[in-house]
Amino acid sequence: MMENTTVLDCVLSKFYTERTELHLASIDIQKAFDSIAHEALLRALESLFIPDIFIDYIRFIYLHCRTTLEFHDGRSPLFHPTVGVRQGDPLSPLLFNIALDEFLRSLPDTIGVPLGGHRLNAVAFADDMLLFVSTSRGMQELLDISNLSLGSLGLRINLLKSFMLSLVPSGRDKVKIARGSFRVGNTPIPHLGVDEEWTYLGVPFTPTGKAKVKILEHPRPSLEIPTKAPLKPQQRLFFLRCHLLPGVFHLLALGSATVSSLNKADTVVRSYFRKWLDLPVDIPVPYFYADVSDGSLGVPCLRWSRLRLRLDRLRTFTSSHFLNNRILALSSVDFYCFTQSSDFNDPAGQNEDSRGRPNKIRNCRAGYTTLETPNHVVQQCYRSHGLRIKRHNAISYYISRSLQQKGFQVTEEPVYPLTAGTLKPDLVALNNSALVLDVQVVGDSVELDSAHTAKIVKYTSLESAVKVQTGAKKVEFSSVTLNWRGVWSPASAK
């Protein structure tokens, strides 16, 4: 499912970004598992050069099977079915996929859309199939071939559940939804419009890619059921933890949901928990999500469950031909967590790892004699020197952009040569007055307000030089001071 939905998202996104023509057909097979011909199953097995003993076993099962139909007034005589695979048999999905591979191999390689160095013309998950073509003529040819090939397997296309999506670029409108005259046999196939949304493998899509999942629409109505039902609190907890929330895991893993929507959904779930268990308002949030063995409720957090579910799917997805093209539409947060899932040096440090191990080395692995604490790794170790510079520049850029949005004229890192030495503050912002700012991220042992005051004292001697350069009559000095944990200096935050 992960590969199919991601490939579909890639194809739609590629059209949207590159403005290329795309024709997509969603094909639904009518009663696929009940209609596949037994002769087609055996023919597909023989084409794959499967051992004769296995083919003879399958032939014996399907040629000698008998069944009966039960009605309200009795049963029918025994008869021999010639189509369909056995329900409940673990071999049935495998046999159906082998037969369907014969259909996929019959599609011409010259028709399709380019994607990741390959030409893609179809993807299939059981009986849910998608056809991709870059021309309208090619799509009609592909539909004709598909109809004939599926017919040879004893399968028929269900036109009531199948549809077409034709996307043609327009120079003026950038994107145009075209309605072609595609047919399956002599029957036209329905078309989707520009505003229509459809579902593929349980994931909502639009003509531009995956649709944003409105995650609140799924658990909220279901939360009212245990609320109104005469259940004990622990029964409501079990219902939500084991049935209701896992019901949205499929959408979390394959769909596109924003972090804010997931946070809102978690807030709604917690509000129902407080109501069911009569919990105080100021109960700590980790109490809901920590393990039961730790004395908490063990409720799945949608915000973080989504990342875990997607990572689990991606770990099984590394053999895909398309994975290296885009890292397949991952959001920034998902991509960060995906890259961090590899083995790196433990950010906790040697000092934390040595707890309970008195003989373990606690000094920095880079050769320092100091303890390898998180503060040392982030603030002092030479291995993170480049990252510290990037962190400093990122904060400076954020402040600069915010000031510019408020109407300030910002100069970054101006140089002021003085008799006592050269000073280079990070930012000089000019509006009605001039504001000199310098960014610093300090360690745990530094008092934040003292560091803020020290920065102001350092740059006070620039007052006359800034007035000459900017023409401002008044110059103010401040700093952007916070520690590596993200705690701001109260004086700096003002």
Protein backbone atom coordinates (compact mmCIF):
# COMPACT_ATOMS: atom_id res chain seq x y z
CA MET A 1 0.00 0.00 0.00
CA MET A 2 2.78 2.40 0.91
CA GLU A 3 4.44 2.07 -2.48
CA ASN A 4 1.22 2.31 -4.49
CA THR A 5 -0.09 5.40 -2.72
CA THR A 6 3.32 7.06 -2.84
CA VAL A 7 3.76 6.34 -6.55
CA LEU A 8 0.32 7.83 -7.24
CA ASP A 9 1.22 10.90 -5.20
CA CYS A 10 4.52 11.20 -7.11
CA VAL A 11 2.81 10.98 -10.50
CA LEU A 12 0.19 13.61 -9.61
CA SER A 13 2.78 15.91 -8.03
CA LYS A 14 5.05 15.53 -11.07
CA PHE A 15 2.24 16.68 -13.36
CA TYR A 16 1.42 19.60 -11.07
CA THR A 17 5.02 20.84 -10.83
CA GLU A 18 6.18 20.12 -14.40
CA ARG A 19 2.87 20.96 -16.15
CA THR A 20 2.87 17.77 -18.23
CA GLU A 21 -0.11 15.93 -19.67
CA LEU A 22 -1.43 13.03 -17.65
CA HIS A 23 -4.32 10.61 -18.09
CA LEU A 24 -5.18 8.36 -15.16
CA ALA A 25 -7.70 5.54 -15.03
CA SER A 26 -8.84 3.88 -11.82
CA ILE A 27 -10.03 0.38 -12.71
CA ASP A 28 -12.30 -1.61 -10.42
CA ILE A 29 -12.85 -5.29 -11.23
CA GLN A 30 -16.32 -6.65 -10.65
CA LYS A 31 -16.22 -9.44 -8.03
CA ALA A 32 -12.58 -10.11 -8.86
CA PHE A 33 -11.88 -12.98 -6.45
CA ASP A 34 -15.16 -14.69 -7.34
CA SER A 35 -14.73 -14.35 -11.12
CA ILE A 36 -11.14 -15.35 -11.88
CA ALA A 37 -11.18 -18.38 -14.19
CA HIS A 38 -9.52 -21.57 -12.97
CA GLU A 39 -7.95 -22.10 -16.40
CA ALA A 40 -6.36 -18.66 -16.12
CA LEU A 41 -4.90 -19.55 -12.71
CA LEU A 42 -3.29 -22.72 -14.05
CA ARG A 43 -2.06 -20.95 -17.19
CA ALA A 44 -0.43 -18.23 -15.08
CA LEU A 45 1.29 -20.81 -12.87
CA GLU A 46 2.67 -22.64 -15.90
CA SER A 47 4.01 -19.39 -17.41
CA LEU A 48 6.13 -18.80 -14.29
CA PHE A 49 7.73 -22.28 -14.54
CA ILE A 50 6.48 -23.24 -11.10
CA PRO A 51 7.23 -26.90 -10.23
CA ASP A 52 4.75 -29.35 -11.72
CA ILE A 53 4.00 -30.92 -8.36
CA PHE A 54 2.60 -27.63 -7.07
CA ILE A 55 0.60 -27.00 -10.26
CA ASP A 56 -0.84 -30.53 -10.07
CA TYR A 57 -1.81 -29.88 -6.46
CA ILE A 58 -3.68 -26.67 -7.39
CA ARG A 59 -5.30 -28.39 -10.39
CA PHE A 60 -6.52 -31.24 -8.20
CA ILE A 61 -8.00 -28.85 -5.62
CA TYR A 62 -9.93 -26.77 -8.14
CA LEU A 63 -10.99 -29.57 -10.50
CA HIS A 64 -12.35 -31.80 -7.75
CA CYS A 65 -13.96 -29.19 -5.51
CA ARG A 66 -17.72 -29.22 -5.04
CA THR A 67 -20.00 -26.72 -3.35
CA THR A 68 -23.66 -26.11 -2.63
CA LEU A 69 -25.91 -23.11 -2.18
CA GLU A 70 -28.16 -22.82 0.86
CA PHE A 71 -31.57 -21.15 0.59
CA HIS A 72 -34.32 -20.54 3.11
CA ASP A 73 -36.19 -23.60 1.88
CA GLY A 74 -33.28 -25.99 1.41
CA ARG A 75 -29.99 -26.56 -0.37
CA SER A 76 -29.05 -26.89 -4.00
CA PRO A 77 -27.41 -30.05 -5.38
CA LEU A 78 -23.63 -30.22 -5.39
CA PHE A 79 -22.01 -28.61 -8.41
CA HIS A 80 -18.48 -27.88 -9.65
CA PRO A 81 -17.50 -24.14 -9.75
CA THR A 82 -15.22 -23.16 -12.64
CA VAL A 83 -14.40 -19.63 -11.50
CA GLY A 84 -13.27 -17.96 -8.30
CA VAL A 85 -10.67 -18.74 -5.68
CA ARG A 86 -11.41 -20.54 -2.41
CA GLN A 87 -12.43 -18.21 0.42
CA GLY A 88 -10.33 -18.48 3.56
CA ASP A 89 -7.53 -20.32 1.77
CA PRO A 90 -4.14 -18.61 2.43
CA LEU A 91 -3.11 -19.50 -1.14
CA SER A 92 -6.00 -17.57 -2.70
CA PRO A 93 -4.45 -14.05 -2.59
CA LEU A 94 -1.17 -15.41 -3.96
CA LEU A 95 -2.89 -17.25 -6.80
CA PHE A 96 -4.96 -14.20 -7.70
CA ASN A 97 -1.87 -11.96 -7.79
CA ILE A 98 -0.03 -14.46 -10.00
CA ALA A 99 -2.94 -14.44 -12.44
CA LEU A 100 -3.13 -10.65 -12.35
CA ASP A 101 0.59 -10.44 -13.15
CA GLU A 102 -0.26 -12.00 -16.51
CA PHE A 103 -2.49 -9.01 -17.20
CA LEU A 104 0.19 -6.52 -16.11
CA ARG A 105 2.79 -8.19 -18.35
CA SER A 106 0.43 -7.85 -21.31
CA LEU A 107 0.52 -4.04 -21.12
CA PRO A 108 2.92 -2.51 -23.69
CA ASP A 109 6.12 -1.00 -22.30
CA THR A 110 6.00 1.84 -24.85
CA ILE A 111 2.90 3.39 -23.25
CA GLY A 112 3.04 5.12 -19.87
CA VAL A 113 4.55 8.05 -18.01
CA PRO A 114 8.24 8.59 -17.17
CA LEU A 115 9.01 8.32 -13.46
CA GLY A 116 12.36 7.77 -11.80
CA GLY A 117 14.13 6.58 -14.94
CA HIS A 118 11.37 4.05 -15.69
CA ARG A 119 8.22 4.09 -17.78
CA LEU A 120 5.22 3.45 -15.55
CA ASN A 121 1.89 2.42 -17.01
CA ALA A 122 0.12 0.61 -14.15
CA VAL A 123 0.16 -0.14 -10.45
CA ALA A 124 -2.06 -2.69 -8.75
CA PHE A 125 -2.90 -3.78 -5.24
CA ALA A 126 -5.03 -6.91 -5.53
CA ASP A 127 -7.99 -5.80 -7.68
CA ASP A 128 -7.45 -2.02 -7.24
CA MET A 129 -5.60 -0.90 -10.36
CA LEU A 130 -4.42 2.41 -11.77
CA LEU A 131 -3.37 3.06 -15.37
CA PHE A 132 -1.09 5.99 -16.28
CA VAL A 133 -0.57 7.41 -19.78
CA SER A 134 0.78 10.74 -21.05
CA THR A 135 -1.48 10.93 -24.15
CA SER A 136 -5.21 10.47 -24.72
CA ARG A 137 -4.61 8.10 -27.63
CA GLY A 138 -2.35 5.96 -25.48
CA MET A 139 -4.97 5.83 -22.71
CA GLN A 140 -7.66 4.54 -25.05
CA GLU A 141 -5.25 1.92 -26.39
CA LEU A 142 -4.35 0.90 -22.84
CA LEU A 143 -8.04 0.61 -21.89
CA ASP A 144 -8.71 -1.61 -24.92
CA ILE A 145 -5.77 -3.87 -24.11
CA SER A 146 -6.80 -4.03 -20.44
CA ASN A 147 -10.38 -4.95 -21.28
CA LEU A 148 -9.27 -7.81 -23.56
CA SER A 149 -6.56 -9.06 -21.20
CA LEU A 150 -8.83 -9.03 -18.16
CA GLY A 151 -11.55 -10.74 -20.18
CA SER A 152 -9.16 -13.61 -20.94
CA LEU A 153 -8.84 -14.08 -17.17
CA GLY A 154 -12.60 -14.16 -16.74
CA LEU A 155 -12.66 -10.67 -15.19
CA ARG A 156 -14.85 -7.68 -16.08
CA ILE A 157 -14.34 -3.98 -15.42
CA ASN A 158 -16.96 -2.44 -13.13
CA LEU A 159 -17.73 0.88 -14.83
CA LEU A 160 -19.86 2.06 -11.91
CA LYS A 161 -16.79 2.20 -9.66
CA SER A 162 -14.14 3.02 -12.29
CA PHE A 163 -13.30 6.55 -13.38
CA MET A 164 -10.97 8.67 -15.51
CA LEU A 165 -8.90 11.72 -14.64
CA SER A 166 -7.42 13.68 -17.57
CA LEU A 167 -5.01 16.47 -16.65
CA VAL A 168 -3.90 18.71 -19.51
CA PRO A 169 -1.68 21.80 -18.95
CA SER A 170 -3.02 25.17 -20.03
CA GLY A 171 -0.72 28.16 -20.52
CA ARG A 172 -3.18 30.55 -18.95
CA ASP A 173 -4.77 28.46 -16.23
CA LYS A 174 -1.60 26.44 -15.45
CA VAL A 175 -3.76 23.35 -14.90
CA LYS A 176 -6.76 22.14 -16.83
CA ILE A 177 -9.04 19.21 -16.10
CA ALA A 178 -10.02 17.78 -19.46
CA ARG A 179 -13.02 15.56 -20.07
CA GLY A 180 -12.15 13.04 -22.78
CA SER A 181 -14.32 10.46 -24.51
CA PHE A 182 -12.69 7.30 -23.21
CA ARG A 183 -14.55 4.03 -23.48
CA VAL A 184 -14.36 0.50 -22.18
CA GLY A 185 -15.85 -1.52 -25.00
CA ASN A 186 -18.75 0.61 -26.16
CA THR A 187 -19.48 2.17 -22.76
CA PRO A 188 -18.00 5.56 -21.76
CA ILE A 189 -16.07 5.64 -18.51
CA PRO A 190 -16.99 8.39 -15.98
CA HIS A 191 -14.71 11.42 -15.52
CA LEU A 192 -13.73 13.29 -12.37
CA GLY A 193 -13.89 17.08 -12.11
CA VAL A 194 -11.33 19.58 -10.85
CA ASP A 195 -12.79 19.80 -7.34
CA GLU A 196 -13.56 16.13 -6.88
CA GLU A 197 -11.76 14.00 -4.35
CA TRP A 198 -11.41 10.25 -4.55
CA THR A 199 -10.03 7.48 -2.39
CA TYR A 200 -7.38 4.96 -3.35
CA LEU A 201 -6.55 2.20 -0.86
CA GLY A 202 -8.28 4.19 1.86
CA VAL A 203 -6.23 7.37 1.25
CA PRO A 204 -7.94 10.53 -0.08
CA PHE A 205 -6.48 12.09 -3.24
CA THR A 206 -7.07 15.21 -5.33
CA PRO A 207 -5.77 15.97 -8.86
CA THR A 208 -2.66 17.53 -7.28
CA GLY A 209 -1.72 14.66 -4.95
CA LYS A 210 -2.65 13.44 -1.50
CA ALA A 211 -5.45 15.40 0.12
CA LYS A 212 -5.05 16.76 3.62
CA VAL A 213 -6.64 14.31 6.02
CA LYS A 214 -9.19 15.91 8.34
CA ILE A 215 -8.21 13.70 11.21
CA LEU A 216 -10.74 15.21 13.64
CA GLU A 217 -13.65 13.99 11.51
CA HIS A 218 -12.75 10.36 12.25
CA PRO A 219 -12.42 9.99 16.06
CA ARG A 220 -14.83 12.73 17.20
CA PRO A 221 -18.13 10.99 16.25
CA SER A 222 -16.84 7.68 17.60
CA LEU A 223 -15.89 9.29 20.91
CA GLU A 224 -19.55 10.06 21.55
CA ILE A 225 -20.45 6.36 21.43
CA PRO A 226 -18.63 5.29 24.63
CA THR A 227 -19.54 8.62 26.24
CA LYS A 228 -23.27 7.92 25.91
CA ALA A 229 -23.02 4.16 26.46
CA PRO A 230 -23.47 2.77 30.01
CA LEU A 231 -19.83 1.70 30.33
CA LYS A 232 -17.33 1.78 33.14
CA PRO A 233 -14.39 4.20 32.78
CA GLN A 234 -11.93 1.35 32.25
CA GLN A 235 -14.17 -0.07 29.52
CA ARG A 236 -14.22 3.29 27.73
CA LEU A 237 -10.44 3.44 28.05
CA PHE A 238 -10.07 -0.03 26.53
CA PHE A 239 -12.46 0.82 23.68
CA LEU A 240 -10.56 3.96 22.74
CA ARG A 241 -7.05 2.57 23.16
CA CYS A 242 -7.59 -0.76 21.41
CA HIS A 243 -10.32 -0.05 18.84
CA LEU A 244 -11.08 3.60 18.14
CA LEU A 245 -7.60 5.12 17.78
CA PRO A 246 -6.08 2.15 15.90
CA GLY A 247 -8.89 2.65 13.40
CA VAL A 248 -7.20 5.84 12.12
CA PHE A 249 -3.67 4.40 12.02
CA HIS A 250 -4.03 3.52 8.34
CA LEU A 251 -4.72 7.17 7.47
CA LEU A 252 -1.90 8.33 9.73
CA ALA A 253 0.62 6.04 8.02
CA LEU A 254 -0.38 6.63 4.40
CA GLY A 255 -2.31 9.90 4.38
CA SER A 256 -1.21 13.53 4.54
CA ALA A 257 -2.03 15.20 7.86
CA THR A 258 -0.62 18.41 9.31
CA VAL A 259 1.01 18.54 12.71
CA SER A 260 -1.52 21.11 13.91
CA SER A 261 -4.48 18.87 13.02
CA LEU A 262 -2.89 15.96 14.88
CA ASN A 263 -2.28 18.13 17.93
CA LYS A 264 -5.91 19.26 17.87
CA ALA A 265 -7.07 15.65 17.61
CA ASP A 266 -4.91 14.69 20.60
CA THR A 267 -6.39 17.60 22.55
CA VAL A 268 -9.93 16.42 21.78
CA VAL A 269 -9.08 12.85 22.85
CA ARG A 270 -7.60 14.10 26.14
CA SER A 271 -10.70 16.20 26.82
CA TYR A 272 -12.88 13.09 26.57
CA PHE A 273 -10.51 11.23 28.86
CA ARG A 274 -10.76 13.95 31.48
CA LYS A 275 -14.53 13.72 31.25
CA TRP A 276 -14.63 9.93 31.49
CA LEU A 277 -12.12 9.61 34.33
CA ASP A 278 -13.02 12.87 36.10
CA LEU A 279 -9.40 14.03 35.94
CA PRO A 280 -8.29 17.51 37.03
CA VAL A 281 -7.53 20.06 34.33
CA ASP A 282 -3.88 20.41 35.32
CA ILE A 283 -3.05 16.71 34.95
CA PRO A 284 0.32 16.38 33.13
CA VAL A 285 0.01 15.48 29.46
CA PRO A 286 2.59 12.62 29.69
CA TYR A 287 0.21 10.88 32.11
CA PHE A 288 -2.01 10.03 29.14
CA TYR A 289 0.72 8.65 26.88
CA ALA A 290 3.31 6.93 29.08
CA ASP A 291 3.22 3.14 29.41
CA VAL A 292 0.81 1.41 31.75
CA SER A 293 3.81 -0.21 33.45
CA ASP A 294 4.94 3.29 34.42
CA GLY A 295 1.61 4.05 36.10
CA SER A 296 0.03 5.92 33.19
CA LEU A 297 -2.84 5.28 30.77
CA GLY A 298 -0.84 4.13 27.74
CA VAL A 299 -3.00 5.95 25.18
CA PRO A 300 -1.51 6.22 21.65
CA CYS A 301 -0.54 9.80 20.81
CA LEU A 302 -1.66 10.55 17.25
CA ARG A 303 1.01 13.22 16.82
CA TRP A 304 3.88 10.79 17.36
CA SER A 305 2.16 7.57 16.33
CA ARG A 306 2.04 8.92 12.77
CA LEU A 307 5.81 9.27 12.62
CA ARG A 308 6.39 5.80 14.04
CA LEU A 309 3.90 4.22 11.63
CA ARG A 310 5.40 5.98 8.62
CA LEU A 311 8.92 4.98 9.61
CA ASP A 312 7.84 1.36 9.98
CA ARG A 313 6.36 1.47 6.47
CA LEU A 314 9.44 3.18 5.04
CA ARG A 315 11.79 0.57 6.47
CA THR A 316 10.00 -2.05 4.36
CA PHE A 317 10.02 0.28 1.36
CA THR A 318 13.77 0.59 0.74
CA SER A 319 13.74 -1.75 -2.27
CA SER A 320 11.44 0.52 -4.28
CA HIS A 321 12.75 1.94 -7.55
CA PHE A 322 11.19 5.31 -6.76
CA LEU A 323 12.44 5.83 -3.20
CA ASN A 324 15.59 7.72 -4.14
CA ASN A 325 13.81 10.22 -6.38
CA ARG A 326 12.01 12.36 -3.83
CA ILE A 327 12.26 10.45 -0.55
CA LEU A 328 8.69 10.24 -1.72
CA ALA A 329 6.86 13.33 -0.59
CA LEU A 330 7.91 13.24 3.04
CA SER A 331 7.18 16.36 5.03
CA SER A 332 10.07 18.13 6.75
CA VAL A 333 9.25 16.59 10.11
CA ASP A 334 8.90 13.07 8.67
CA PHE A 335 12.16 13.38 6.71
CA TYR A 336 14.01 14.56 9.81
CA CYS A 337 12.73 11.62 11.85
CA PHE A 338 13.50 9.26 8.97
CA THR A 339 17.13 10.39 8.81
CA GLN A 340 17.45 10.34 12.60
CA SER A 341 16.27 6.72 12.71
CA SER A 342 19.78 5.59 11.72
CA ASP A 343 22.53 4.90 14.23
CA PHE A 344 24.37 8.07 15.22
CA ASN A 345 26.48 8.97 18.24
CA ASP A 346 24.18 8.95 21.24
CA PRO A 347 23.32 12.59 22.01
CA ALA A 348 22.83 11.68 25.66
CA GLY A 349 26.61 11.33 25.96
CA GLN A 350 29.01 9.04 27.75
CA ASN A 351 28.17 10.53 31.13
CA GLU A 352 24.52 9.45 30.94
CA ASP A 353 25.42 6.08 29.41
CA SER A 354 27.67 5.29 32.37
CA ARG A 355 24.88 5.37 34.94
CA GLY A 356 25.06 2.13 36.87
CA ARG A 357 28.35 1.28 35.13
CA PRO A 358 31.15 2.67 37.35
CA ASN A 359 33.94 1.35 35.09
CA LYS A 360 32.62 2.89 31.88
CA ILE A 361 34.58 5.82 30.39
CA ARG A 362 32.73 9.09 30.88
CA ASN A 363 35.05 11.51 29.08
CA CYS A 364 34.30 12.97 25.67
CA ARG A 365 34.92 10.58 22.78
CA ALA A 366 36.51 13.42 20.79
CA GLY A 367 39.52 13.51 23.13
CA TYR A 368 38.46 16.15 25.64
CA THR A 369 39.13 15.44 29.30
CA THR A 370 35.75 16.86 30.30
CA LEU A 371 32.67 14.74 30.86
CA GLU A 372 30.60 14.05 27.76
CA THR A 373 27.37 15.66 28.90
CA PRO A 374 24.68 17.01 26.56
CA ASN A 375 25.83 20.53 27.44
CA HIS A 376 29.41 19.69 26.38
CA VAL A 377 28.34 17.96 23.15
CA VAL A 378 26.08 20.80 22.04
CA GLN A 379 28.04 23.81 23.32
CA GLN A 380 31.74 22.93 23.47
CA CYS A 381 32.77 19.85 21.47
CA TYR A 382 34.52 20.57 18.18
CA ARG A 383 32.42 17.89 16.47
CA SER A 384 29.36 20.13 16.72
CA HIS A 385 31.15 23.39 15.88
CA GLY A 386 29.64 23.63 12.40
CA LEU A 387 26.17 22.93 13.73
CA ARG A 388 26.58 25.66 16.35
CA ILE A 389 27.37 28.16 13.58
CA LYS A 390 24.32 27.03 11.61
CA ARG A 391 22.17 27.37 14.72
CA HIS A 392 23.45 30.89 15.36
CA ASN A 393 22.89 31.93 11.74
CA ALA A 394 19.40 30.43 11.71
CA ILE A 395 18.36 32.43 14.77
CA SER A 396 19.88 35.59 13.32
CA TYR A 397 18.06 35.05 10.02
CA TYR A 398 14.76 34.45 11.81
CA ILE A 399 15.08 37.69 13.81
CA SER A 400 16.13 39.61 10.69
CA ARG A 401 13.17 38.35 8.68
CA SER A 402 10.74 39.15 11.51
CA LEU A 403 12.07 42.71 11.79
CA GLN A 404 11.81 43.24 8.05
CA GLN A 405 8.20 42.07 8.10
CA LYS A 406 7.52 44.76 10.71
CA GLY A 407 8.96 47.50 8.51
CA PHE A 408 12.56 47.69 9.75
CA GLN A 409 15.53 48.14 7.44
CA VAL A 410 17.99 45.50 8.59
CA THR A 411 21.74 45.38 8.00
CA GLU A 412 23.38 42.04 8.75
CA GLU A 413 26.83 41.85 10.35
CA PRO A 414 28.03 45.44 9.71
CA VAL A 415 31.69 46.03 10.59
CA TYR A 416 32.68 48.97 12.85
CA PRO A 417 36.45 49.58 13.22
CA LEU A 418 37.18 51.31 16.54
CA THR A 419 40.39 52.28 18.30
CA ALA A 420 39.91 49.48 20.83
CA GLY A 421 39.23 46.93 18.07
CA THR A 422 36.69 45.94 15.44
CA LEU A 423 33.12 45.14 16.46
CA LYS A 424 30.61 43.31 14.26
CA PRO A 425 27.10 42.96 15.71
CA ASP A 426 24.77 40.49 14.05
CA LEU A 427 22.00 42.94 13.19
CA VAL A 428 21.41 46.68 12.99
CA ALA A 429 17.72 47.49 12.45
CA LEU A 430 16.52 50.98 11.50
CA ASN A 431 13.01 52.36 11.81
CA ASN A 432 12.37 55.53 13.80
CA SER A 433 15.46 54.67 15.80
CA ALA A 434 18.34 52.25 15.41
CA LEU A 435 18.46 48.91 17.21
CA VAL A 436 21.71 46.96 17.61
CA LEU A 437 21.22 43.24 18.22
CA ASP A 438 23.62 40.37 18.75
CA VAL A 439 22.69 36.69 18.99
CA GLN A 440 24.15 34.28 21.52
CA VAL A 441 23.27 30.77 22.69
CA VAL A 442 24.84 30.00 26.06
CA GLY A 443 25.37 26.90 28.16
CA ASP A 444 23.82 25.70 31.39
CA SER A 445 26.34 27.39 33.69
CA VAL A 446 25.74 30.90 32.32
CA GLU A 447 23.17 33.16 33.96
CA LEU A 448 20.95 34.35 31.12
CA ASP A 449 20.28 37.94 32.18
CA SER A 450 23.97 38.46 32.99
CA ALA A 451 24.91 37.30 29.49
CA HIS A 452 22.31 39.67 28.05
CA THR A 453 23.71 42.61 30.03
CA ALA A 454 27.28 41.75 28.98
CA LYS A 455 26.30 41.95 25.31
CA ILE A 456 24.75 45.37 25.79
CA VAL A 457 27.86 46.65 27.56
CA LYS A 458 30.07 45.26 24.78
CA TYR A 459 28.33 47.18 21.99
CA THR A 460 27.49 50.42 23.82
CA SER A 461 30.66 52.02 22.41
CA LEU A 462 29.12 51.79 18.93
CA GLU A 463 26.47 54.43 19.61
CA SER A 464 28.18 57.30 17.78
CA ALA A 465 29.28 55.09 14.86
CA VAL A 466 25.76 53.73 14.38
CA LYS A 467 24.30 57.25 14.44
CA VAL A 468 26.72 58.34 11.74
CA GLN A 469 26.03 55.30 9.58
CA THR A 470 22.23 55.20 9.89
CA GLY A 471 21.40 58.85 10.57
CA ALA A 472 19.30 57.83 13.56
CA LYS A 473 19.00 60.19 16.50
CA LYS A 474 18.50 57.39 19.00
CA VAL A 475 20.30 54.06 19.26
CA GLU A 476 19.12 51.15 21.42
CA PHE A 477 21.14 48.08 22.32
CA SER A 478 19.84 44.60 23.10
CA SER A 479 20.63 40.95 22.51
CA VAL A 480 18.98 37.70 21.55
CA THR A 481 20.06 35.53 24.47
CA LEU A 482 18.88 31.99 25.10
CA ASN A 483 20.44 28.78 26.27
CA TRP A 484 20.92 25.61 24.24
CA ARG A 485 17.73 24.14 25.70
CA GLY A 486 15.67 26.97 24.18
CA VAL A 487 15.08 28.98 27.37
CA TRP A 488 15.20 32.74 26.74
CA SER A 489 16.67 35.38 28.96
CA PRO A 490 13.69 37.27 30.47
CA ALA A 491 15.42 40.61 29.87
CA SER A 492 16.20 39.67 26.27
CA ALA A 493 12.67 38.44 25.57
CA LYS A 494 11.27 41.87 26.44
